[in-house]
Amino acid sequence: MSTPQAKRRRLNEAAKTLQKPFKSHPPDISTPSAASIYTAEFTPTGNNEQRPRQTVTPHQLSVAPSLPKSHASKSLVSRPSFSKLSHGAVKKSSSKPSLAREIMQLRNEIQMLTQAQSLATSSQDEDLVILIDKWRTASRAAAEELFGSTRDRVNRMGGVGAWMEREREAKERQKKWDQEELDAQREKLEEAKENGEISEEAFDEYSGVEETKVEDEKETFKGASDDSFTMDMMLKTLNIDLDLIGYNKEAQRWDG
């Protein structure tokens, strides 16, 4: 802690320093403003401290605040420009997504129009008709070749009656295999239902699945009372649509 003597000593040293004469350049007395300069007066304080008191002329008071005003005005003028630029930049960037969407939409419309034009002016339908005709011609040739060998085989088996019996036996065996597969699937569904793997509705839906094969033996072998093997019988046995391949059952010939 400083003692009163030490404080007084520092104050006296500061007062001596302040009492030293102030050295400055001699003023130019040719101008009126040179006559008014700062003057320092020293007044003693209670602690023997002397502080300078400065006086300022009215001319200096009017000139001194002018610098901050100009600086402030410049800063205020420059700020709106940056805000305007930033606002414009944001506005410009926000318009980019909408422009990109419009361009993409126009491209899609152009692509759709191009496809429509290509479909309208193409000869794809004509090409398909030509391909269908080629397929029918090749299928009919293969059916004729197969029909000759199959008819000979049916005759060696004892005629259409014996062949029909063998076909029925084959279908019965196939039906039995399909039923066994359905029973096994049903057992799995019941086990899954007991374990909570499937819901009640799902079980009812799956358990209601039945065999969808249609027994059309009467339609297949209709008109075979004369014990003759015909082309439509062979085609139906092979699950070939007569209209698709172009065979007339009543006339027993190819159409077209």
C-alpha atoms as a PDB file:
ATOM      1  CA  MET A   1       0.000   0.000   0.000  1.00  0.00           C
ATOM      2  CA  SER A   2       1.339   3.474  -0.926  1.00  0.00           C
ATOM      3  CA  THR A   3       1.985   5.942   1.926  1.00  0.00           C
ATOM      4  CA  PRO A   4       0.783   9.556   1.829  1.00  0.00           C
ATOM      5  CA  GLN A   5       4.381  10.701   1.393  1.00  0.00           C
ATOM      6  CA  ALA A   6       4.802   8.558  -1.706  1.00  0.00           C
ATOM      7  CA  LYS A   7       1.557   9.871  -3.201  1.00  0.00           C
ATOM      8  CA  ARG A   8       2.597  13.462  -2.521  1.00  0.00           C
ATOM      9  CA  ARG A   9       5.994  12.820  -4.083  1.00  0.00           C
ATOM     10  CA  ARG A  10       4.403  11.503  -7.288  1.00  0.00           C
ATOM     11  CA  LEU A  11       2.047  14.456  -7.442  1.00  0.00           C
ATOM     12  CA  ASN A  12       4.897  16.920  -7.093  1.00  0.00           C
ATOM     13  CA  GLU A  13       6.843  15.193  -9.860  1.00  0.00           C
ATOM     14  CA  ALA A  14       3.819  15.367 -12.145  1.00  0.00           C
ATOM     15  CA  ALA A  15       3.339  19.062 -11.344  1.00  0.00           C
ATOM     16  CA  LYS A  16       6.954  19.811 -12.176  1.00  0.00           C
ATOM     17  CA  THR A  17       6.599  18.010 -15.468  1.00  0.00           C
ATOM     18  CA  LEU A  18       3.528  20.018 -16.360  1.00  0.00           C
ATOM     19  CA  GLN A  19       5.235  23.297 -15.445  1.00  0.00           C
ATOM     20  CA  LYS A  20       7.875  22.796 -18.068  1.00  0.00           C
ATOM     21  CA  PRO A  21       7.421  25.145 -21.052  1.00  0.00           C
ATOM     22  CA  PHE A  22       5.599  23.699 -24.108  1.00  0.00           C
ATOM     23  CA  LYS A  23       7.703  23.899 -27.239  1.00  0.00           C
ATOM     24  CA  SER A  24       5.971  24.224 -30.611  1.00  0.00           C
ATOM     25  CA  HIS A  25       6.625  25.744 -34.006  1.00  0.00           C
ATOM     26  CA  PRO A  26       6.208  29.515 -34.173  1.00  0.00           C
ATOM     27  CA  PRO A  27       2.787  30.393 -35.660  1.00  0.00           C
ATOM     28  CA  ASP A  28       2.349  32.245 -38.893  1.00  0.00           C
ATOM     29  CA  ILE A  29       1.036  35.638 -37.836  1.00  0.00           C
ATOM     30  CA  SER A  30       0.225  36.578 -41.423  1.00  0.00           C
ATOM     31  CA  THR A  31      -3.116  34.727 -41.245  1.00  0.00           C
ATOM     32  CA  PRO A  32      -5.928  35.676 -38.858  1.00  0.00           C
ATOM     33  CA  SER A  33      -6.393  32.123 -37.669  1.00  0.00           C
ATOM     34  CA  ALA A  34      -2.799  31.948 -36.458  1.00  0.00           C
ATOM     35  CA  ALA A  35      -3.544  34.383 -33.687  1.00  0.00           C
ATOM     36  CA  SER A  36      -5.910  31.904 -32.010  1.00  0.00           C
ATOM     37  CA  ILE A  37      -4.053  28.903 -30.644  1.00  0.00           C
ATOM     38  CA  TYR A  38      -4.394  26.699 -27.668  1.00  0.00           C
ATOM     39  CA  THR A  39      -3.406  28.342 -24.367  1.00  0.00           C
ATOM     40  CA  ALA A  40      -2.651  26.383 -21.290  1.00  0.00           C
ATOM     41  CA  GLU A  41      -3.487  27.655 -17.838  1.00  0.00           C
ATOM     42  CA  PHE A  42      -2.483  25.867 -14.714  1.00  0.00           C
ATOM     43  CA  THR A  43      -4.693  25.901 -11.684  1.00  0.00           C
ATOM     44  CA  PRO A  44      -3.623  24.409  -8.368  1.00  0.00           C
ATOM     45  CA  THR A  45      -5.736  21.614  -6.893  1.00  0.00           C
ATOM     46  CA  GLY A  46      -6.331  20.532  -3.363  1.00  0.00           C
ATOM     47  CA  ASN A  47      -3.558  17.910  -3.635  1.00  0.00           C
ATOM     48  CA  ASN A  48      -1.032  20.452  -4.976  1.00  0.00           C
ATOM     49  CA  GLU A  49      -1.732  19.114  -8.467  1.00  0.00           C
ATOM     50  CA  GLN A  50      -1.861  21.478 -11.390  1.00  0.00           C
ATOM     51  CA  ARG A  51      -3.827  20.442 -14.510  1.00  0.00           C
ATOM     52  CA  PRO A  52      -3.821  22.263 -17.859  1.00  0.00           C
ATOM     53  CA  ARG A  53      -7.007  23.889 -19.049  1.00  0.00           C
ATOM     54  CA  GLN A  54      -7.336  24.319 -22.788  1.00  0.00           C
ATOM     55  CA  THR A  55      -9.416  26.862 -24.602  1.00  0.00           C
ATOM     56  CA  VAL A  56     -10.600  26.321 -28.139  1.00  0.00           C
ATOM     57  CA  THR A  57     -11.567  29.070 -30.557  1.00  0.00           C
ATOM     58  CA  PRO A  58     -14.984  29.064 -32.281  1.00  0.00           C
ATOM     59  CA  HIS A  59     -13.300  28.466 -35.614  1.00  0.00           C
ATOM     60  CA  GLN A  60     -11.828  25.189 -34.376  1.00  0.00           C
ATOM     61  CA  LEU A  61     -15.166  24.118 -32.897  1.00  0.00           C
ATOM     62  CA  SER A  62     -16.859  24.479 -36.253  1.00  0.00           C
ATOM     63  CA  VAL A  63     -14.147  22.678 -38.175  1.00  0.00           C
ATOM     64  CA  ALA A  64     -13.460  19.740 -35.864  1.00  0.00           C
ATOM     65  CA  PRO A  65     -16.819  17.908 -36.079  1.00  0.00           C
ATOM     66  CA  SER A  66     -16.884  18.128 -39.851  1.00  0.00           C
ATOM     67  CA  LEU A  67     -14.584  15.155 -40.324  1.00  0.00           C
ATOM     68  CA  PRO A  68     -16.792  12.571 -38.597  1.00  0.00           C
ATOM     69  CA  LYS A  69     -19.841  13.846 -40.484  1.00  0.00           C
ATOM     70  CA  SER A  70     -18.226  13.283 -43.839  1.00  0.00           C
ATOM     71  CA  HIS A  71     -16.996   9.885 -42.734  1.00  0.00           C
ATOM     72  CA  ALA A  72     -20.432   8.919 -41.417  1.00  0.00           C
ATOM     73  CA  SER A  73     -22.145  10.137 -44.535  1.00  0.00           C
ATOM     74  CA  LYS A  74     -19.847   8.070 -46.707  1.00  0.00           C
ATOM     75  CA  SER A  75     -20.459   4.975 -44.635  1.00  0.00           C
ATOM     76  CA  LEU A  76     -24.216   5.521 -44.703  1.00  0.00           C
ATOM     77  CA  VAL A  77     -24.219   5.986 -48.456  1.00  0.00           C
ATOM     78  CA  SER A  78     -22.120   2.897 -49.085  1.00  0.00           C
ATOM     79  CA  ARG A  79     -24.236   0.533 -46.954  1.00  0.00           C
ATOM     80  CA  PRO A  80     -27.450   0.658 -49.004  1.00  0.00           C
ATOM     81  CA  SER A  81     -25.509  -0.200 -52.117  1.00  0.00           C
ATOM     82  CA  PHE A  82     -24.296  -3.465 -50.575  1.00  0.00           C
ATOM     83  CA  SER A  83     -27.784  -4.297 -49.354  1.00  0.00           C
ATOM     84  CA  LYS A  84     -29.224  -3.620 -52.792  1.00  0.00           C
ATOM     85  CA  LEU A  85     -26.580  -5.793 -54.411  1.00  0.00           C
ATOM     86  CA  SER A  86     -27.151  -8.630 -51.956  1.00  0.00           C
ATOM     87  CA  HIS A  87     -30.921  -8.368 -52.396  1.00  0.00           C
ATOM     88  CA  GLY A  88     -30.499  -8.467 -56.145  1.00  0.00           C
ATOM     89  CA  ALA A  89     -28.194 -11.459 -55.921  1.00  0.00           C
ATOM     90  CA  VAL A  90     -30.692 -13.362 -53.776  1.00  0.00           C
ATOM     91  CA  LYS A  91     -33.486 -12.434 -56.142  1.00  0.00           C
ATOM     92  CA  LYS A  92     -31.434 -13.601 -59.095  1.00  0.00           C
ATOM     93  CA  SER A  93     -30.495 -16.888 -57.425  1.00  0.00           C
ATOM     94  CA  SER A  94     -34.097 -17.555 -56.411  1.00  0.00           C
ATOM     95  CA  SER A  95     -35.201 -17.251 -60.019  1.00  0.00           C
ATOM     96  CA  LYS A  96     -32.824 -19.993 -61.180  1.00  0.00           C
ATOM     97  CA  PRO A  97     -34.846 -23.011 -59.894  1.00  0.00           C
ATOM     98  CA  SER A  98     -38.043 -21.805 -61.552  1.00  0.00           C
ATOM     99  CA  LEU A  99     -36.195 -21.315 -64.828  1.00  0.00           C
ATOM    100  CA  ALA A 100     -34.699 -24.812 -64.580  1.00  0.00           C
ATOM    101  CA  ARG A 101     -38.149 -26.306 -63.997  1.00  0.00           C
ATOM    102  CA  GLU A 102     -39.534 -24.527 -67.040  1.00  0.00           C
ATOM    103  CA  ILE A 103     -36.658 -25.801 -69.186  1.00  0.00           C
ATOM    104  CA  MET A 104     -37.180 -29.376 -67.955  1.00  0.00           C
ATOM    105  CA  GLN A 105     -40.919 -29.159 -68.617  1.00  0.00           C
ATOM    106  CA  LEU A 106     -40.306 -27.890 -72.144  1.00  0.00           C
ATOM    107  CA  ARG A 107     -37.838 -30.720 -72.797  1.00  0.00           C
ATOM    108  CA  ASN A 108     -40.392 -33.310 -71.650  1.00  0.00           C
ATOM    109  CA  GLU A 109     -43.060 -31.801 -73.892  1.00  0.00           C
ATOM    110  CA  ILE A 110     -40.671 -31.793 -76.853  1.00  0.00           C
ATOM    111  CA  GLN A 111     -39.809 -35.443 -76.192  1.00  0.00           C
ATOM    112  CA  MET A 112     -43.488 -36.404 -76.041  1.00  0.00           C
ATOM    113  CA  LEU A 113     -44.213 -34.581 -79.291  1.00  0.00           C
ATOM    114  CA  THR A 114     -41.248 -36.274 -80.943  1.00  0.00           C
ATOM    115  CA  GLN A 115     -42.474 -39.721 -79.867  1.00  0.00           C
ATOM    116  CA  ALA A 116     -46.004 -38.955 -81.037  1.00  0.00           C
ATOM    117  CA  GLN A 117     -44.707 -37.832 -84.409  1.00  0.00           C
ATOM    118  CA  SER A 118     -42.542 -40.928 -84.783  1.00  0.00           C
ATOM    119  CA  LEU A 119     -45.497 -43.198 -83.953  1.00  0.00           C
ATOM    120  CA  ALA A 120     -47.787 -41.347 -86.346  1.00  0.00           C
ATOM    121  CA  THR A 121     -45.334 -41.479 -89.236  1.00  0.00           C
ATOM    122  CA  SER A 122     -43.779 -44.915 -88.597  1.00  0.00           C
ATOM    123  CA  SER A 123     -44.699 -48.143 -90.353  1.00  0.00           C
ATOM    124  CA  GLN A 124     -44.488 -50.260 -87.199  1.00  0.00           C
ATOM    125  CA  ASP A 125     -48.023 -51.627 -87.557  1.00  0.00           C
ATOM    126  CA  GLU A 126     -47.289 -52.709 -91.090  1.00  0.00           C
ATOM    127  CA  ASP A 127     -44.126 -54.429 -89.912  1.00  0.00           C
ATOM    128  CA  LEU A 128     -46.103 -56.265 -87.213  1.00  0.00           C
ATOM    129  CA  VAL A 129     -48.644 -57.485 -89.756  1.00  0.00           C
ATOM    130  CA  ILE A 130     -45.837 -58.812 -91.930  1.00  0.00           C
ATOM    131  CA  LEU A 131     -44.248 -60.588 -88.955  1.00  0.00           C
ATOM    132  CA  ILE A 132     -47.594 -62.148 -87.945  1.00  0.00           C
ATOM    133  CA  ASP A 133     -48.091 -63.492 -91.445  1.00  0.00           C
ATOM    134  CA  LYS A 134     -44.597 -64.975 -91.425  1.00  0.00           C
ATOM    135  CA  TRP A 135     -45.228 -66.600 -88.026  1.00  0.00           C
ATOM    136  CA  ARG A 136     -48.538 -68.101 -89.158  1.00  0.00           C
ATOM    137  CA  THR A 137     -46.976 -69.487 -92.316  1.00  0.00           C
ATOM    138  CA  ALA A 138     -44.134 -71.107 -90.365  1.00  0.00           C
ATOM    139  CA  SER A 139     -46.515 -72.432 -87.654  1.00  0.00           C
ATOM    140  CA  ARG A 140     -48.855 -73.955 -90.209  1.00  0.00           C
ATOM    141  CA  ALA A 141     -45.963 -75.677 -91.978  1.00  0.00           C
ATOM    142  CA  ALA A 142     -44.733 -77.117 -88.668  1.00  0.00           C
ATOM    143  CA  ALA A 143     -48.291 -78.220 -87.735  1.00  0.00           C
ATOM    144  CA  GLU A 144     -48.741 -80.017 -91.056  1.00  0.00           C
ATOM    145  CA  GLU A 145     -45.457 -81.858 -90.604  1.00  0.00           C
ATOM    146  CA  LEU A 146     -46.283 -82.790 -87.000  1.00  0.00           C
ATOM    147  CA  PHE A 147     -49.832 -83.824 -87.880  1.00  0.00           C
ATOM    148  CA  GLY A 148     -48.642 -86.465 -90.323  1.00  0.00           C
ATOM    149  CA  SER A 149     -46.391 -88.224 -87.805  1.00  0.00           C
ATOM    150  CA  THR A 150     -48.940 -87.864 -84.955  1.00  0.00           C
ATOM    151  CA  ARG A 151     -51.770 -89.345 -87.019  1.00  0.00           C
ATOM    152  CA  ASP A 152     -49.632 -92.358 -87.872  1.00  0.00           C
ATOM    153  CA  ARG A 153     -48.801 -92.810 -84.200  1.00  0.00           C
ATOM    154  CA  VAL A 154     -52.487 -92.600 -83.194  1.00  0.00           C
ATOM    155  CA  ASN A 155     -53.371 -95.212 -85.755  1.00  0.00           C
ATOM    156  CA  ARG A 156     -50.685 -97.550 -84.417  1.00  0.00           C
ATOM    157  CA  MET A 157     -52.087 -97.046 -80.894  1.00  0.00           C
ATOM    158  CA  GLY A 158     -55.476 -98.401 -82.002  1.00  0.00           C
ATOM    159  CA  GLY A 159     -57.176 -95.324 -83.311  1.00  0.00           C
ATOM    160  CA  VAL A 160     -58.642 -92.218 -81.762  1.00  0.00           C
ATOM    161  CA  GLY A 161     -60.468 -94.160 -79.016  1.00  0.00           C
ATOM    162  CA  ALA A 162     -57.270 -95.658 -77.604  1.00  0.00           C
ATOM    163  CA  TRP A 163     -55.490 -92.332 -77.924  1.00  0.00           C
ATOM    164  CA  MET A 164     -58.331 -90.534 -76.082  1.00  0.00           C
ATOM    165  CA  GLU A 165     -58.100 -93.069 -73.253  1.00  0.00           C
ATOM    166  CA  ARG A 166     -54.378 -92.485 -72.869  1.00  0.00           C
ATOM    167  CA  GLU A 167     -54.934 -88.734 -72.860  1.00  0.00           C
ATOM    168  CA  ARG A 168     -57.510 -89.077 -70.091  1.00  0.00           C
ATOM    169  CA  GLU A 169     -55.132 -91.186 -68.011  1.00  0.00           C
ATOM    170  CA  ALA A 170     -52.373 -88.644 -68.479  1.00  0.00           C
ATOM    171  CA  LYS A 171     -54.685 -85.829 -67.406  1.00  0.00           C
ATOM    172  CA  GLU A 172     -55.803 -87.792 -64.356  1.00  0.00           C
ATOM    173  CA  ARG A 173     -52.197 -88.281 -63.301  1.00  0.00           C
ATOM    174  CA  GLN A 174     -51.522 -84.570 -63.789  1.00  0.00           C
ATOM    175  CA  LYS A 175     -54.613 -83.703 -61.798  1.00  0.00           C
ATOM    176  CA  LYS A 176     -53.503 -85.974 -58.955  1.00  0.00           C
ATOM    177  CA  TRP A 177     -50.059 -84.356 -58.844  1.00  0.00           C
ATOM    178  CA  ASP A 178     -51.606 -80.897 -58.804  1.00  0.00           C
ATOM    179  CA  GLN A 179     -53.937 -81.872 -55.959  1.00  0.00           C
ATOM    180  CA  GLU A 180     -51.044 -83.217 -53.896  1.00  0.00           C
ATOM    181  CA  GLU A 181     -49.191 -79.951 -54.422  1.00  0.00           C
ATOM    182  CA  LEU A 182     -52.251 -77.955 -53.340  1.00  0.00           C
ATOM    183  CA  ASP A 183     -52.637 -80.094 -50.201  1.00  0.00           C
ATOM    184  CA  ALA A 184     -48.988 -79.555 -49.256  1.00  0.00           C
ATOM    185  CA  GLN A 185     -49.373 -75.824 -49.760  1.00  0.00           C
ATOM    186  CA  ARG A 186     -52.491 -75.787 -47.605  1.00  0.00           C
ATOM    187  CA  GLU A 187     -50.665 -77.568 -44.770  1.00  0.00           C
ATOM    188  CA  LYS A 188     -47.930 -74.931 -44.874  1.00  0.00           C
ATOM    189  CA  LEU A 189     -50.539 -72.183 -44.731  1.00  0.00           C
ATOM    190  CA  GLU A 190     -52.248 -73.763 -41.723  1.00  0.00           C
ATOM    191  CA  GLU A 191     -48.918 -74.047 -39.921  1.00  0.00           C
ATOM    192  CA  ALA A 192     -48.102 -70.404 -40.707  1.00  0.00           C
ATOM    193  CA  LYS A 193     -51.534 -69.383 -39.429  1.00  0.00           C
ATOM    194  CA  GLU A 194     -50.992 -71.215 -36.125  1.00  0.00           C
ATOM    195  CA  ASN A 195     -47.592 -69.540 -35.689  1.00  0.00           C
ATOM    196  CA  GLY A 196     -49.113 -66.122 -36.397  1.00  0.00           C
ATOM    197  CA  GLU A 197     -47.061 -65.562 -39.524  1.00  0.00           C
ATOM    198  CA  ILE A 198     -50.117 -64.770 -41.655  1.00  0.00           C
ATOM    199  CA  SER A 199     -53.476 -63.234 -40.823  1.00  0.00           C
ATOM    200  CA  GLU A 200     -56.883 -64.897 -40.931  1.00  0.00           C
ATOM    201  CA  GLU A 201     -57.842 -62.999 -44.078  1.00  0.00           C
ATOM    202  CA  ALA A 202     -54.666 -64.056 -45.886  1.00  0.00           C
ATOM    203  CA  PHE A 203     -55.288 -67.680 -44.945  1.00  0.00           C
ATOM    204  CA  ASP A 204     -58.849 -67.554 -46.263  1.00  0.00           C
ATOM    205  CA  GLU A 205     -57.630 -65.971 -49.483  1.00  0.00           C
ATOM    206  CA  TYR A 206     -54.911 -68.567 -50.083  1.00  0.00           C
ATOM    207  CA  SER A 207     -57.029 -71.528 -49.001  1.00  0.00           C
ATOM    208  CA  GLY A 208     -59.705 -70.551 -51.506  1.00  0.00           C
ATOM    209  CA  VAL A 209     -57.359 -71.154 -54.419  1.00  0.00           C
ATOM    210  CA  GLU A 210     -58.587 -74.098 -56.449  1.00  0.00           C
ATOM    211  CA  GLU A 211     -57.459 -75.789 -59.556  1.00  0.00           C
ATOM    212  CA  THR A 212     -58.168 -73.536 -62.547  1.00  0.00           C
ATOM    213  CA  LYS A 213     -57.620 -76.006 -65.321  1.00  0.00           C
ATOM    214  CA  VAL A 214     -60.744 -76.573 -67.364  1.00  0.00           C
ATOM    215  CA  GLU A 215     -61.559 -80.048 -68.479  1.00  0.00           C
ATOM    216  CA  ASP A 216     -62.559 -79.635 -72.112  1.00  0.00           C
ATOM    217  CA  GLU A 217     -62.197 -83.221 -73.295  1.00  0.00           C
ATOM    218  CA  LYS A 218     -65.693 -83.271 -74.761  1.00  0.00           C
ATOM    219  CA  GLU A 219     -64.991 -80.119 -76.747  1.00  0.00           C
ATOM    220  CA  THR A 220     -61.559 -81.380 -77.766  1.00  0.00           C
ATOM    221  CA  PHE A 221     -62.733 -84.708 -79.110  1.00  0.00           C
ATOM    222  CA  LYS A 222     -66.141 -83.611 -80.351  1.00  0.00           C
ATOM    223  CA  GLY A 223     -66.936 -85.008 -83.770  1.00  0.00           C
ATOM    224  CA  ALA A 224     -64.506 -87.903 -83.416  1.00  0.00           C
ATOM    225  CA  SER A 225     -67.209 -90.550 -83.640  1.00  0.00           C
ATOM    226  CA  ASP A 226     -65.791 -91.738 -86.938  1.00  0.00           C
ATOM    227  CA  ASP A 227     -62.557 -92.631 -85.131  1.00  0.00           C
ATOM    228  CA  SER A 228     -60.539 -90.175 -87.231  1.00  0.00           C
ATOM    229  CA  PHE A 229     -57.753 -87.988 -85.942  1.00  0.00           C
ATOM    230  CA  THR A 230     -58.087 -84.360 -87.107  1.00  0.00           C
ATOM    231  CA  MET A 231     -55.884 -81.263 -87.115  1.00  0.00           C
ATOM    232  CA  ASP A 232     -58.033 -79.371 -84.571  1.00  0.00           C
ATOM    233  CA  MET A 233     -57.727 -82.290 -82.119  1.00  0.00           C
ATOM    234  CA  MET A 234     -53.947 -82.150 -82.302  1.00  0.00           C
ATOM    235  CA  LEU A 235     -53.833 -78.335 -82.013  1.00  0.00           C
ATOM    236  CA  LYS A 236     -56.089 -78.314 -78.938  1.00  0.00           C
ATOM    237  CA  THR A 237     -54.014 -81.066 -77.369  1.00  0.00           C
ATOM    238  CA  LEU A 238     -50.984 -78.782 -77.795  1.00  0.00           C
ATOM    239  CA  ASN A 239     -52.957 -75.819 -76.297  1.00  0.00           C
ATOM    240  CA  ILE A 240     -52.763 -73.857 -79.550  1.00  0.00           C
ATOM    241  CA  ASP A 241     -55.577 -71.398 -80.225  1.00  0.00           C
ATOM    242  CA  LEU A 242     -57.279 -72.225 -83.526  1.00  0.00           C
ATOM    243  CA  ASP A 243     -58.125 -68.587 -84.250  1.00  0.00           C
ATOM    244  CA  LEU A 244     -54.581 -67.495 -83.506  1.00  0.00           C
ATOM    245  CA  ILE A 245     -53.008 -69.908 -85.939  1.00  0.00           C
ATOM    246  CA  GLY A 246     -55.902 -69.490 -88.371  1.00  0.00           C
ATOM    247  CA  TYR A 247     -57.479 -72.965 -88.604  1.00  0.00           C
ATOM    248  CA  ASN A 248     -61.164 -73.478 -89.446  1.00  0.00           C
ATOM    249  CA  LYS A 249     -62.549 -76.435 -87.489  1.00  0.00           C
ATOM    250  CA  GLU A 250     -65.811 -76.786 -89.428  1.00  0.00           C
ATOM    251  CA  ALA A 251     -64.137 -76.673 -92.845  1.00  0.00           C
ATOM    252  CA  GLN A 252     -61.025 -78.526 -91.607  1.00  0.00           C
ATOM    253  CA  ARG A 253     -58.671 -76.175 -93.434  1.00  0.00           C
ATOM    254  CA  TRP A 254     -56.479 -73.128 -92.967  1.00  0.00           C
ATOM    255  CA  ASP A 255     -57.989 -69.667 -93.285  1.00  0.00           C
ATOM    256  CA  GLY A 256     -56.290 -67.185 -95.590  1.00  0.00           C
END
